[in-house]
Amino acid sequence: MKKIFYFLLCVLPLVSFTSCDDDNDLPDVDFSIAISDGTFVDGKIYAVAGTDLVIDGITVINNEKGKEAIIPYANYFWDFRPLGQSVIAPYGITIALPEEMEPGEHILEISAPVYAVDKSPAFTVLDYTVVVVSDESDIPDGGTASTVGTPQIQANDPAK
């Protein structure tokens, strides 16, 4: 009986080891952002004071063909202050730009966890410069209502 006990005692550490995924195998994704009442021009978003800048939605594009990627929610920040969290797909938000807002540059930050097939969970951050103008004629020509951005991605481990 002692031999069986010692045998099991020696085997127990071997059973407790498991294979681990590579924590540095992060998702290779892009985000497509669609907006209303604003315009993307040369990597910046232009919006008019006194209107609402509407983020219609965020679409995750997995750069590995045939594999899915998702975000479960999106956090929004304006000039480093929390605006809110969107938990319902397509994860949009409405940002009120008061008429008395001074024209100039502001920072819009979107952060979200991202999960992709066969990849480690990760956390993403997208930063945009928002130029608030006083009149629509101040917006440069050649803008679009959507853009594709590559987020900064890090492992979803606060210790790293």
C-alpha atoms as a PDB file:
ATOM      1  CA  MET A   1       0.000   0.000   0.000  1.00  0.00           C
ATOM      2  CA  LYS A   2       2.878   2.348   0.805  1.00  0.00           C
ATOM      3  CA  LYS A   3       4.335   1.770  -2.645  1.00  0.00           C
ATOM      4  CA  ILE A   4       1.098   2.779  -4.342  1.00  0.00           C
ATOM      5  CA  PHE A   5       0.882   5.885  -2.150  1.00  0.00           C
ATOM      6  CA  TYR A   6       4.467   6.885  -3.004  1.00  0.00           C
ATOM      7  CA  PHE A   7       3.855   6.190  -6.671  1.00  0.00           C
ATOM      8  CA  LEU A   8       0.748   8.398  -6.679  1.00  0.00           C
ATOM      9  CA  LEU A   9       2.647  11.073  -4.768  1.00  0.00           C
ATOM     10  CA  CYS A  10       5.327  11.085  -7.493  1.00  0.00           C
ATOM     11  CA  VAL A  11       2.798  11.105 -10.339  1.00  0.00           C
ATOM     12  CA  LEU A  12       0.664  13.914  -8.894  1.00  0.00           C
ATOM     13  CA  PRO A  13       3.045  16.758  -9.877  1.00  0.00           C
ATOM     14  CA  LEU A  14       3.183  15.428 -13.436  1.00  0.00           C
ATOM     15  CA  VAL A  15      -0.592  15.481 -13.722  1.00  0.00           C
ATOM     16  CA  SER A  16      -0.828  19.063 -12.468  1.00  0.00           C
ATOM     17  CA  PHE A  17       1.234  20.463 -15.358  1.00  0.00           C
ATOM     18  CA  THR A  18      -0.818  21.596 -18.299  1.00  0.00           C
ATOM     19  CA  SER A  19       0.052  23.110 -21.600  1.00  0.00           C
ATOM     20  CA  CYS A  20      -0.284  26.876 -21.804  1.00  0.00           C
ATOM     21  CA  ASP A  21      -1.056  29.087 -24.740  1.00  0.00           C
ATOM     22  CA  ASP A  22       1.538  31.590 -25.836  1.00  0.00           C
ATOM     23  CA  ASP A  23       0.528  34.837 -24.087  1.00  0.00           C
ATOM     24  CA  ASN A  24       2.320  36.832 -26.754  1.00  0.00           C
ATOM     25  CA  ASP A  25       0.186  35.414 -29.568  1.00  0.00           C
ATOM     26  CA  LEU A  26      -2.000  38.518 -29.762  1.00  0.00           C
ATOM     27  CA  PRO A  27      -4.839  39.139 -32.222  1.00  0.00           C
ATOM     28  CA  ASP A  28      -3.972  40.772 -35.541  1.00  0.00           C
ATOM     29  CA  VAL A  29      -7.021  42.987 -35.976  1.00  0.00           C
ATOM     30  CA  ASP A  30      -8.115  46.323 -37.370  1.00  0.00           C
ATOM     31  CA  PHE A  31     -11.153  48.348 -36.344  1.00  0.00           C
ATOM     32  CA  SER A  32     -13.520  49.981 -38.806  1.00  0.00           C
ATOM     33  CA  ILE A  33     -15.170  53.039 -37.249  1.00  0.00           C
ATOM     34  CA  ALA A  34     -18.284  54.629 -38.808  1.00  0.00           C
ATOM     35  CA  ILE A  35     -19.426  58.118 -37.760  1.00  0.00           C
ATOM     36  CA  SER A  36     -22.282  60.547 -38.408  1.00  0.00           C
ATOM     37  CA  ASP A  37     -22.164  64.340 -38.180  1.00  0.00           C
ATOM     38  CA  GLY A  38     -18.398  64.199 -38.445  1.00  0.00           C
ATOM     39  CA  THR A  39     -15.810  63.604 -41.150  1.00  0.00           C
ATOM     40  CA  PHE A  40     -12.522  61.694 -41.242  1.00  0.00           C
ATOM     41  CA  VAL A  41      -9.846  63.751 -43.028  1.00  0.00           C
ATOM     42  CA  ASP A  42      -6.153  62.762 -42.945  1.00  0.00           C
ATOM     43  CA  GLY A  43      -6.538  60.623 -39.818  1.00  0.00           C
ATOM     44  CA  LYS A  44      -8.443  63.271 -37.850  1.00  0.00           C
ATOM     45  CA  ILE A  45     -12.144  63.596 -37.155  1.00  0.00           C
ATOM     46  CA  TYR A  46     -13.694  66.986 -37.899  1.00  0.00           C
ATOM     47  CA  ALA A  47     -16.972  67.976 -36.215  1.00  0.00           C
ATOM     48  CA  VAL A  48     -18.948  71.200 -35.830  1.00  0.00           C
ATOM     49  CA  ALA A  49     -19.613  72.701 -32.390  1.00  0.00           C
ATOM     50  CA  GLY A  50     -23.319  72.648 -31.545  1.00  0.00           C
ATOM     51  CA  THR A  51     -23.900  69.225 -33.121  1.00  0.00           C
ATOM     52  CA  ASP A  52     -23.598  65.639 -31.962  1.00  0.00           C
ATOM     53  CA  LEU A  53     -20.657  63.537 -33.067  1.00  0.00           C
ATOM     54  CA  VAL A  54     -22.127  60.054 -33.435  1.00  0.00           C
ATOM     55  CA  ILE A  55     -19.973  56.948 -33.486  1.00  0.00           C
ATOM     56  CA  ASP A  56     -22.359  54.669 -35.388  1.00  0.00           C
ATOM     57  CA  GLY A  57     -20.401  51.528 -34.744  1.00  0.00           C
ATOM     58  CA  ILE A  58     -17.161  49.620 -34.495  1.00  0.00           C
ATOM     59  CA  THR A  59     -16.454  46.581 -36.640  1.00  0.00           C
ATOM     60  CA  VAL A  60     -13.558  44.275 -35.799  1.00  0.00           C
ATOM     61  CA  ILE A  61     -11.637  42.992 -38.822  1.00  0.00           C
ATOM     62  CA  ASN A  62      -9.481  39.932 -38.179  1.00  0.00           C
ATOM     63  CA  ASN A  63      -6.479  40.046 -40.506  1.00  0.00           C
ATOM     64  CA  GLU A  64      -6.216  36.234 -40.316  1.00  0.00           C
ATOM     65  CA  LYS A  65      -8.523  35.131 -43.097  1.00  0.00           C
ATOM     66  CA  GLY A  66     -11.366  32.823 -42.128  1.00  0.00           C
ATOM     67  CA  LYS A  67     -11.114  33.477 -38.376  1.00  0.00           C
ATOM     68  CA  GLU A  68     -13.488  35.543 -36.269  1.00  0.00           C
ATOM     69  CA  ALA A  69     -12.678  38.316 -33.811  1.00  0.00           C
ATOM     70  CA  ILE A  70     -15.008  40.230 -31.474  1.00  0.00           C
ATOM     71  CA  ILE A  71     -15.156  42.908 -28.830  1.00  0.00           C
ATOM     72  CA  PRO A  72     -17.708  42.565 -25.997  1.00  0.00           C
ATOM     73  CA  TYR A  73     -17.931  46.316 -25.268  1.00  0.00           C
ATOM     74  CA  ALA A  74     -16.214  49.648 -25.947  1.00  0.00           C
ATOM     75  CA  ASN A  75     -15.138  52.354 -23.492  1.00  0.00           C
ATOM     76  CA  TYR A  76     -15.042  55.949 -24.693  1.00  0.00           C
ATOM     77  CA  PHE A  77     -12.917  58.800 -23.327  1.00  0.00           C
ATOM     78  CA  TRP A  78     -12.877  62.503 -24.325  1.00  0.00           C
ATOM     79  CA  ASP A  79      -9.710  64.371 -23.407  1.00  0.00           C
ATOM     80  CA  PHE A  80      -8.866  61.511 -21.023  1.00  0.00           C
ATOM     81  CA  ARG A  81     -12.206  61.766 -19.176  1.00  0.00           C
ATOM     82  CA  PRO A  82     -14.648  58.852 -19.303  1.00  0.00           C
ATOM     83  CA  LEU A  83     -17.642  59.396 -21.579  1.00  0.00           C
ATOM     84  CA  GLY A  84     -19.295  56.048 -21.211  1.00  0.00           C
ATOM     85  CA  GLN A  85     -19.355  52.413 -22.176  1.00  0.00           C
ATOM     86  CA  SER A  86     -21.295  50.792 -24.985  1.00  0.00           C
ATOM     87  CA  VAL A  87     -22.198  47.145 -24.397  1.00  0.00           C
ATOM     88  CA  ILE A  88     -24.598  46.588 -27.284  1.00  0.00           C
ATOM     89  CA  ALA A  89     -23.281  45.847 -30.767  1.00  0.00           C
ATOM     90  CA  PRO A  90     -22.241  47.769 -32.841  1.00  0.00           C
ATOM     91  CA  TYR A  91     -20.873  49.645 -29.772  1.00  0.00           C
ATOM     92  CA  GLY A  92     -21.682  53.210 -30.781  1.00  0.00           C
ATOM     93  CA  ILE A  93     -22.047  56.391 -28.725  1.00  0.00           C
ATOM     94  CA  THR A  94     -23.317  59.948 -29.182  1.00  0.00           C
ATOM     95  CA  ILE A  95     -21.006  62.754 -28.092  1.00  0.00           C
ATOM     96  CA  ALA A  96     -22.672  66.138 -27.612  1.00  0.00           C
ATOM     97  CA  LEU A  97     -20.512  69.052 -28.735  1.00  0.00           C
ATOM     98  CA  PRO A  98     -21.961  72.178 -27.100  1.00  0.00           C
ATOM     99  CA  GLU A  99     -22.282  75.298 -29.215  1.00  0.00           C
ATOM    100  CA  GLU A 100     -20.053  77.213 -26.791  1.00  0.00           C
ATOM    101  CA  MET A 101     -17.226  74.652 -27.158  1.00  0.00           C
ATOM    102  CA  GLU A 102     -13.992  76.363 -28.191  1.00  0.00           C
ATOM    103  CA  PRO A 103     -12.798  75.318 -31.635  1.00  0.00           C
ATOM    104  CA  GLY A 104      -9.647  73.232 -31.425  1.00  0.00           C
ATOM    105  CA  GLU A 105      -8.250  69.731 -31.051  1.00  0.00           C
ATOM    106  CA  HIS A 106      -9.499  67.130 -28.598  1.00  0.00           C
ATOM    107  CA  ILE A 107      -8.617  63.484 -28.017  1.00  0.00           C
ATOM    108  CA  LEU A 108     -11.145  60.684 -28.480  1.00  0.00           C
ATOM    109  CA  GLU A 109      -9.985  57.346 -27.128  1.00  0.00           C
ATOM    110  CA  ILE A 110     -11.742  54.028 -27.643  1.00  0.00           C
ATOM    111  CA  SER A 111     -10.633  51.025 -25.608  1.00  0.00           C
ATOM    112  CA  ALA A 112     -11.966  47.475 -25.633  1.00  0.00           C
ATOM    113  CA  PRO A 113     -10.986  43.893 -24.941  1.00  0.00           C
ATOM    114  CA  VAL A 114     -10.616  41.854 -28.106  1.00  0.00           C
ATOM    115  CA  TYR A 115     -10.958  38.115 -28.566  1.00  0.00           C
ATOM    116  CA  ALA A 116      -9.863  36.278 -31.710  1.00  0.00           C
ATOM    117  CA  VAL A 117      -9.910  32.591 -32.614  1.00  0.00           C
ATOM    118  CA  ASP A 118      -6.646  30.814 -31.655  1.00  0.00           C
ATOM    119  CA  LYS A 119      -5.192  33.982 -30.063  1.00  0.00           C
ATOM    120  CA  SER A 120      -4.633  35.176 -26.520  1.00  0.00           C
ATOM    121  CA  PRO A 121      -7.185  37.620 -25.093  1.00  0.00           C
ATOM    122  CA  ALA A 122      -5.992  41.195 -25.511  1.00  0.00           C
ATOM    123  CA  PHE A 123      -6.891  44.796 -24.779  1.00  0.00           C
ATOM    124  CA  THR A 124      -6.971  47.423 -27.529  1.00  0.00           C
ATOM    125  CA  VAL A 125      -6.814  51.206 -27.627  1.00  0.00           C
ATOM    126  CA  LEU A 126      -7.583  53.543 -30.537  1.00  0.00           C
ATOM    127  CA  ASP A 127      -6.803  57.253 -30.333  1.00  0.00           C
ATOM    128  CA  TYR A 128      -8.246  59.915 -32.613  1.00  0.00           C
ATOM    129  CA  THR A 129      -7.700  63.651 -32.758  1.00  0.00           C
ATOM    130  CA  VAL A 130     -11.066  65.385 -33.030  1.00  0.00           C
ATOM    131  CA  VAL A 131     -10.937  68.875 -34.469  1.00  0.00           C
ATOM    132  CA  VAL A 132     -13.964  70.880 -33.367  1.00  0.00           C
ATOM    133  CA  VAL A 133     -14.714  73.728 -35.778  1.00  0.00           C
ATOM    134  CA  SER A 134     -17.226  76.559 -35.479  1.00  0.00           C
ATOM    135  CA  ASP A 135     -18.606  76.217 -39.005  1.00  0.00           C
ATOM    136  CA  GLU A 136     -18.996  73.356 -41.484  1.00  0.00           C
ATOM    137  CA  SER A 137     -17.052  75.366 -44.082  1.00  0.00           C
ATOM    138  CA  ASP A 138     -13.947  74.949 -41.873  1.00  0.00           C
ATOM    139  CA  ILE A 139     -13.862  71.195 -42.568  1.00  0.00           C
ATOM    140  CA  PRO A 140     -11.310  70.286 -45.264  1.00  0.00           C
ATOM    141  CA  ASP A 141     -12.528  68.620 -48.451  1.00  0.00           C
ATOM    142  CA  GLY A 142     -12.032  64.944 -49.208  1.00  0.00           C
ATOM    143  CA  GLY A 143     -13.393  63.466 -45.986  1.00  0.00           C
ATOM    144  CA  THR A 144     -15.154  60.171 -45.392  1.00  0.00           C
ATOM    145  CA  ALA A 145     -17.710  58.868 -42.893  1.00  0.00           C
ATOM    146  CA  SER A 146     -15.645  55.826 -41.903  1.00  0.00           C
ATOM    147  CA  THR A 147     -12.063  54.752 -41.463  1.00  0.00           C
ATOM    148  CA  VAL A 148     -10.063  51.646 -40.651  1.00  0.00           C
ATOM    149  CA  GLY A 149      -7.593  51.976 -37.822  1.00  0.00           C
ATOM    150  CA  THR A 150      -5.046  49.605 -36.340  1.00  0.00           C
ATOM    151  CA  PRO A 151      -5.337  49.663 -32.553  1.00  0.00           C
ATOM    152  CA  GLN A 152      -2.532  49.396 -30.038  1.00  0.00           C
ATOM    153  CA  ILE A 153      -2.822  45.880 -28.625  1.00  0.00           C
ATOM    154  CA  GLN A 154      -1.494  44.468 -25.386  1.00  0.00           C
ATOM    155  CA  ALA A 155      -1.987  41.234 -23.477  1.00  0.00           C
ATOM    156  CA  ASN A 156      -5.112  41.181 -21.333  1.00  0.00           C
ATOM    157  CA  ASP A 157      -3.033  40.706 -18.173  1.00  0.00           C
ATOM    158  CA  PRO A 158      -2.753  43.663 -15.790  1.00  0.00           C
ATOM    159  CA  ALA A 159       0.555  42.291 -14.463  1.00  0.00           C
ATOM    160  CA  LYS A 160       2.257  42.831 -17.842  1.00  0.00           C
END
